[in-house]
Amino acid sequence: MKILILRVGAMGDVLHALPAVAALRVARPDWEIDWVVTPHWSPLLVDGAGKGPVVRRVHVAETKLWKTAPASPATLRSVYNLRRALRGESYELAVDMQGTLRSAVIGRMSGAGQFVGYGDPREAVAAKFYKTRLERKGRHVIEQGAALLGEACGVSLKPGGV
């Protein structure tokens, strides 16, 4: 299975999603798991050669550029290149673990066969982009992420073995 994780933003967002994705890697070592993240936080997931223990590859979303110069040629080129790279991977499943309009748009851009997110995302409009909306389960954001990713993949996930 080829899976795309969407947790694009801040360092804390990436760190909170990582235990669920690491648990998926342990449960399904043969699956291809990729992640969309801002350039600043990609070193949390992969080394300089683009290799990481949890994800196969990282797709970079230059969201600061998009925000500061939304209609610039550089932004349009960046969005186009990301869309082309994502579509070229033919993901079977994209999981929006962030729940923002930005992450939902990127997920939809991926063209994944199935696109899953929370029924009550951080930004309500994001839910309109998902093909499947799942109930938020768990008390802590790490538990919630594991429940979302696990249910989306059909795998029981226990982040950190707890």
C-alpha atoms as a PDB file:
ATOM      1  CA  MET A   1       0.000   0.000   0.000  1.00  0.00           C
ATOM      2  CA  LYS A   2       1.161   3.554  -0.766  1.00  0.00           C
ATOM      3  CA  ILE A   3       0.134   6.081   1.874  1.00  0.00           C
ATOM      4  CA  LEU A   4       0.544   9.842   2.061  1.00  0.00           C
ATOM      5  CA  ILE A   5       0.563  11.535   5.466  1.00  0.00           C
ATOM      6  CA  LEU A   6      -0.471  15.180   5.661  1.00  0.00           C
ATOM      7  CA  ARG A   7       0.820  16.955   8.741  1.00  0.00           C
ATOM      8  CA  VAL A   8       2.398  19.939   7.088  1.00  0.00           C
ATOM      9  CA  GLY A   9       2.852  22.642   9.682  1.00  0.00           C
ATOM     10  CA  ALA A  10       4.613  23.319  12.918  1.00  0.00           C
ATOM     11  CA  MET A  11       7.232  21.199  14.632  1.00  0.00           C
ATOM     12  CA  GLY A  12       4.787  20.154  17.350  1.00  0.00           C
ATOM     13  CA  ASP A  13       2.295  19.014  14.715  1.00  0.00           C
ATOM     14  CA  VAL A  14       4.919  16.831  13.062  1.00  0.00           C
ATOM     15  CA  LEU A  15       6.141  15.428  16.387  1.00  0.00           C
ATOM     16  CA  HIS A  16       2.593  14.630  17.513  1.00  0.00           C
ATOM     17  CA  ALA A  17       1.884  12.660  14.312  1.00  0.00           C
ATOM     18  CA  LEU A  18       5.198  10.797  14.290  1.00  0.00           C
ATOM     19  CA  PRO A  19       4.317   8.123  16.914  1.00  0.00           C
ATOM     20  CA  ALA A  20       1.280   7.003  14.910  1.00  0.00           C
ATOM     21  CA  VAL A  21       3.246   6.850  11.671  1.00  0.00           C
ATOM     22  CA  ALA A  22       6.118   5.025  13.411  1.00  0.00           C
ATOM     23  CA  ALA A  23       3.602   2.500  14.780  1.00  0.00           C
ATOM     24  CA  LEU A  24       2.260   1.999  11.245  1.00  0.00           C
ATOM     25  CA  ARG A  25       5.807   1.465   9.973  1.00  0.00           C
ATOM     26  CA  VAL A  26       6.308  -1.271  12.602  1.00  0.00           C
ATOM     27  CA  ALA A  27       2.927  -2.877  11.849  1.00  0.00           C
ATOM     28  CA  ARG A  28       3.344  -2.727   8.067  1.00  0.00           C
ATOM     29  CA  PRO A  29       7.069  -2.527   7.197  1.00  0.00           C
ATOM     30  CA  ASP A  30       6.378  -3.325   3.538  1.00  0.00           C
ATOM     31  CA  TRP A  31       4.048  -0.355   2.984  1.00  0.00           C
ATOM     32  CA  GLU A  32       5.329   2.811   1.302  1.00  0.00           C
ATOM     33  CA  ILE A  33       4.684   5.749   3.625  1.00  0.00           C
ATOM     34  CA  ASP A  34       5.387   9.294   2.446  1.00  0.00           C
ATOM     35  CA  TRP A  35       4.762  12.628   4.160  1.00  0.00           C
ATOM     36  CA  VAL A  36       4.058  16.223   3.108  1.00  0.00           C
ATOM     37  CA  VAL A  37       5.790  18.771   5.330  1.00  0.00           C
ATOM     38  CA  THR A  38       7.237  22.278   5.161  1.00  0.00           C
ATOM     39  CA  PRO A  39      10.939  22.454   4.247  1.00  0.00           C
ATOM     40  CA  HIS A  40      11.885  23.640   7.715  1.00  0.00           C
ATOM     41  CA  TRP A  41      10.694  20.424   9.403  1.00  0.00           C
ATOM     42  CA  SER A  42      11.727  17.796   6.839  1.00  0.00           C
ATOM     43  CA  PRO A  43      14.948  17.041   8.830  1.00  0.00           C
ATOM     44  CA  LEU A  44      12.701  15.644  11.564  1.00  0.00           C
ATOM     45  CA  LEU A  45      11.675  12.907   9.111  1.00  0.00           C
ATOM     46  CA  VAL A  46      14.581  12.316   6.730  1.00  0.00           C
ATOM     47  CA  ASP A  47      18.302  12.948   6.517  1.00  0.00           C
ATOM     48  CA  GLY A  48      20.124  15.017   3.887  1.00  0.00           C
ATOM     49  CA  ALA A  49      19.930  12.122   1.435  1.00  0.00           C
ATOM     50  CA  GLY A  50      16.162  11.956   1.853  1.00  0.00           C
ATOM     51  CA  LYS A  51      16.213   8.703   3.834  1.00  0.00           C
ATOM     52  CA  GLY A  52      14.382   8.162   7.099  1.00  0.00           C
ATOM     53  CA  PRO A  53      13.544   5.275   9.402  1.00  0.00           C
ATOM     54  CA  VAL A  54       9.790   5.918   9.319  1.00  0.00           C
ATOM     55  CA  VAL A  55       8.942   7.449   5.949  1.00  0.00           C
ATOM     56  CA  ARG A  56      10.091   6.507   2.477  1.00  0.00           C
ATOM     57  CA  ARG A  57      10.198  10.081   1.258  1.00  0.00           C
ATOM     58  CA  VAL A  58       9.143  13.615   2.086  1.00  0.00           C
ATOM     59  CA  HIS A  59       7.319  15.973  -0.246  1.00  0.00           C
ATOM     60  CA  VAL A  60       8.051  19.598   0.577  1.00  0.00           C
ATOM     61  CA  ALA A  61       5.226  22.144   0.673  1.00  0.00           C
ATOM     62  CA  GLU A  62       6.644  25.672   0.563  1.00  0.00           C
ATOM     63  CA  THR A  63       3.733  27.147   2.493  1.00  0.00           C
ATOM     64  CA  LYS A  64       5.578  30.281   3.633  1.00  0.00           C
ATOM     65  CA  LEU A  65       6.190  31.203   0.005  1.00  0.00           C
ATOM     66  CA  TRP A  66       2.544  30.468  -0.834  1.00  0.00           C
ATOM     67  CA  LYS A  67       1.360  32.713   1.984  1.00  0.00           C
ATOM     68  CA  THR A  68       3.696  35.651   1.354  1.00  0.00           C
ATOM     69  CA  ALA A  69       3.387  35.694  -2.450  1.00  0.00           C
ATOM     70  CA  PRO A  70       0.221  33.760  -3.341  1.00  0.00           C
ATOM     71  CA  ALA A  71       0.039  34.675  -7.019  1.00  0.00           C
ATOM     72  CA  SER A  72       3.758  34.878  -7.781  1.00  0.00           C
ATOM     73  CA  PRO A  73       5.323  32.723 -10.499  1.00  0.00           C
ATOM     74  CA  ALA A  74       7.456  31.051  -7.819  1.00  0.00           C
ATOM     75  CA  THR A  75       4.361  30.059  -5.815  1.00  0.00           C
ATOM     76  CA  LEU A  76       2.511  28.790  -8.872  1.00  0.00           C
ATOM     77  CA  ARG A  77       5.571  26.768  -9.894  1.00  0.00           C
ATOM     78  CA  SER A  78       5.918  25.380  -6.363  1.00  0.00           C
ATOM     79  CA  VAL A  79       2.256  24.297  -6.189  1.00  0.00           C
ATOM     80  CA  TYR A  80       2.411  22.807  -9.680  1.00  0.00           C
ATOM     81  CA  ASN A  81       5.602  20.867  -8.895  1.00  0.00           C
ATOM     82  CA  LEU A  82       4.170  19.509  -5.638  1.00  0.00           C
ATOM     83  CA  ARG A  83       0.943  18.453  -7.357  1.00  0.00           C
ATOM     84  CA  ARG A  84       2.858  16.748 -10.162  1.00  0.00           C
ATOM     85  CA  ALA A  85       5.115  14.904  -7.690  1.00  0.00           C
ATOM     86  CA  LEU A  86       2.170  13.759  -5.560  1.00  0.00           C
ATOM     87  CA  ARG A  87       0.089  12.604  -8.523  1.00  0.00           C
ATOM     88  CA  GLY A  88       3.115  10.804  -9.943  1.00  0.00           C
ATOM     89  CA  GLU A  89       3.197   8.574  -6.868  1.00  0.00           C
ATOM     90  CA  SER A  90      -0.358   7.214  -7.345  1.00  0.00           C
ATOM     91  CA  TYR A  91      -1.153   7.057  -3.634  1.00  0.00           C
ATOM     92  CA  GLU A  92      -3.862   4.650  -2.607  1.00  0.00           C
ATOM     93  CA  LEU A  93      -4.579   6.539   0.602  1.00  0.00           C
ATOM     94  CA  ALA A  94      -3.963  10.062   1.901  1.00  0.00           C
ATOM     95  CA  VAL A  95      -4.581  10.799   5.590  1.00  0.00           C
ATOM     96  CA  ASP A  96      -4.935  14.391   6.774  1.00  0.00           C
ATOM     97  CA  MET A  97      -3.694  14.342  10.351  1.00  0.00           C
ATOM     98  CA  GLN A  98      -3.652  18.156  10.529  1.00  0.00           C
ATOM     99  CA  GLY A  99      -7.182  19.143   9.611  1.00  0.00           C
ATOM    100  CA  THR A 100      -6.534  22.533   8.045  1.00  0.00           C
ATOM    101  CA  LEU A 101      -7.716  23.923   4.732  1.00  0.00           C
ATOM    102  CA  ARG A 102      -4.115  23.936   3.523  1.00  0.00           C
ATOM    103  CA  SER A 103      -3.502  20.261   4.353  1.00  0.00           C
ATOM    104  CA  ALA A 104      -6.886  19.272   2.900  1.00  0.00           C
ATOM    105  CA  VAL A 105      -6.182  21.054  -0.383  1.00  0.00           C
ATOM    106  CA  ILE A 106      -2.777  19.370  -0.629  1.00  0.00           C
ATOM    107  CA  GLY A 107      -4.366  16.012   0.118  1.00  0.00           C
ATOM    108  CA  ARG A 108      -6.968  16.510  -2.593  1.00  0.00           C
ATOM    109  CA  MET A 109      -4.194  17.612  -4.980  1.00  0.00           C
ATOM    110  CA  SER A 110      -2.503  14.243  -4.436  1.00  0.00           C
ATOM    111  CA  GLY A 111      -5.233  12.432  -6.342  1.00  0.00           C
ATOM    112  CA  ALA A 112      -5.126   9.571  -3.802  1.00  0.00           C
ATOM    113  CA  GLY A 113      -7.766   6.911  -4.302  1.00  0.00           C
ATOM    114  CA  GLN A 114      -9.020   7.440  -0.753  1.00  0.00           C
ATOM    115  CA  PHE A 115      -8.694  10.666   1.265  1.00  0.00           C
ATOM    116  CA  VAL A 116      -9.435  10.464   4.991  1.00  0.00           C
ATOM    117  CA  GLY A 117      -9.635  13.079   7.731  1.00  0.00           C
ATOM    118  CA  TYR A 118     -11.464  13.911  10.928  1.00  0.00           C
ATOM    119  CA  GLY A 119     -15.171  14.646  10.785  1.00  0.00           C
ATOM    120  CA  ASP A 120     -14.410  17.621  13.041  1.00  0.00           C
ATOM    121  CA  PRO A 121     -11.105  18.982  11.678  1.00  0.00           C
ATOM    122  CA  ARG A 122      -9.302  21.970  13.169  1.00  0.00           C
ATOM    123  CA  GLU A 123     -10.696  24.103  10.341  1.00  0.00           C
ATOM    124  CA  ALA A 124     -14.253  22.961   9.560  1.00  0.00           C
ATOM    125  CA  VAL A 125     -14.019  23.669   5.821  1.00  0.00           C
ATOM    126  CA  ALA A 126     -11.302  20.998   5.511  1.00  0.00           C
ATOM    127  CA  ALA A 127     -13.908  18.241   6.011  1.00  0.00           C
ATOM    128  CA  LYS A 128     -15.479  19.123   2.657  1.00  0.00           C
ATOM    129  CA  PHE A 129     -12.339  17.863   0.884  1.00  0.00           C
ATOM    130  CA  TYR A 130     -12.292  14.375   2.453  1.00  0.00           C
ATOM    131  CA  LYS A 131     -13.865  11.329   0.831  1.00  0.00           C
ATOM    132  CA  THR A 132     -14.101   9.693   4.271  1.00  0.00           C
ATOM    133  CA  ARG A 133     -14.602  11.498   7.582  1.00  0.00           C
ATOM    134  CA  LEU A 134     -13.781   9.621  10.775  1.00  0.00           C
ATOM    135  CA  GLU A 135     -14.753  10.335  14.347  1.00  0.00           C
ATOM    136  CA  ARG A 136     -12.017  11.757  16.557  1.00  0.00           C
ATOM    137  CA  LYS A 137     -11.108   9.173  19.210  1.00  0.00           C
ATOM    138  CA  GLY A 138      -8.702   9.449  22.120  1.00  0.00           C
ATOM    139  CA  ARG A 139      -7.923  12.128  24.658  1.00  0.00           C
ATOM    140  CA  HIS A 140      -4.452  13.247  23.635  1.00  0.00           C
ATOM    141  CA  VAL A 141      -3.512  14.353  20.119  1.00  0.00           C
ATOM    142  CA  ILE A 142      -1.071  11.417  19.836  1.00  0.00           C
ATOM    143  CA  GLU A 143      -3.854   8.943  20.674  1.00  0.00           C
ATOM    144  CA  GLN A 144      -6.156  10.722  18.243  1.00  0.00           C
ATOM    145  CA  GLY A 145      -3.582  10.499  15.459  1.00  0.00           C
ATOM    146  CA  ALA A 146      -3.041   6.790  16.054  1.00  0.00           C
ATOM    147  CA  ALA A 147      -6.787   6.160  16.029  1.00  0.00           C
ATOM    148  CA  LEU A 148      -7.283   8.157  12.817  1.00  0.00           C
ATOM    149  CA  LEU A 149      -4.369   6.594  10.955  1.00  0.00           C
ATOM    150  CA  GLY A 150      -5.145   3.118  12.243  1.00  0.00           C
ATOM    151  CA  GLU A 151      -8.799   3.260  11.260  1.00  0.00           C
ATOM    152  CA  ALA A 152      -7.947   4.751   7.859  1.00  0.00           C
ATOM    153  CA  CYS A 153      -5.487   1.903   7.210  1.00  0.00           C
ATOM    154  CA  GLY A 154      -7.427  -0.887   8.893  1.00  0.00           C
ATOM    155  CA  VAL A 155      -4.588  -1.509  11.347  1.00  0.00           C
ATOM    156  CA  SER A 156      -4.668  -1.307  15.142  1.00  0.00           C
ATOM    157  CA  LEU A 157      -1.936   1.159  16.130  1.00  0.00           C
ATOM    158  CA  LYS A 158      -0.430   1.639  19.569  1.00  0.00           C
ATOM    159  CA  PRO A 159       2.048   4.539  19.457  1.00  0.00           C
ATOM    160  CA  GLY A 160       5.031   3.844  21.672  1.00  0.00           C
ATOM    161  CA  GLY A 161       3.706   0.366  22.434  1.00  0.00           C
ATOM    162  CA  VAL A 162       1.311   1.685  25.107  1.00  0.00           C
END
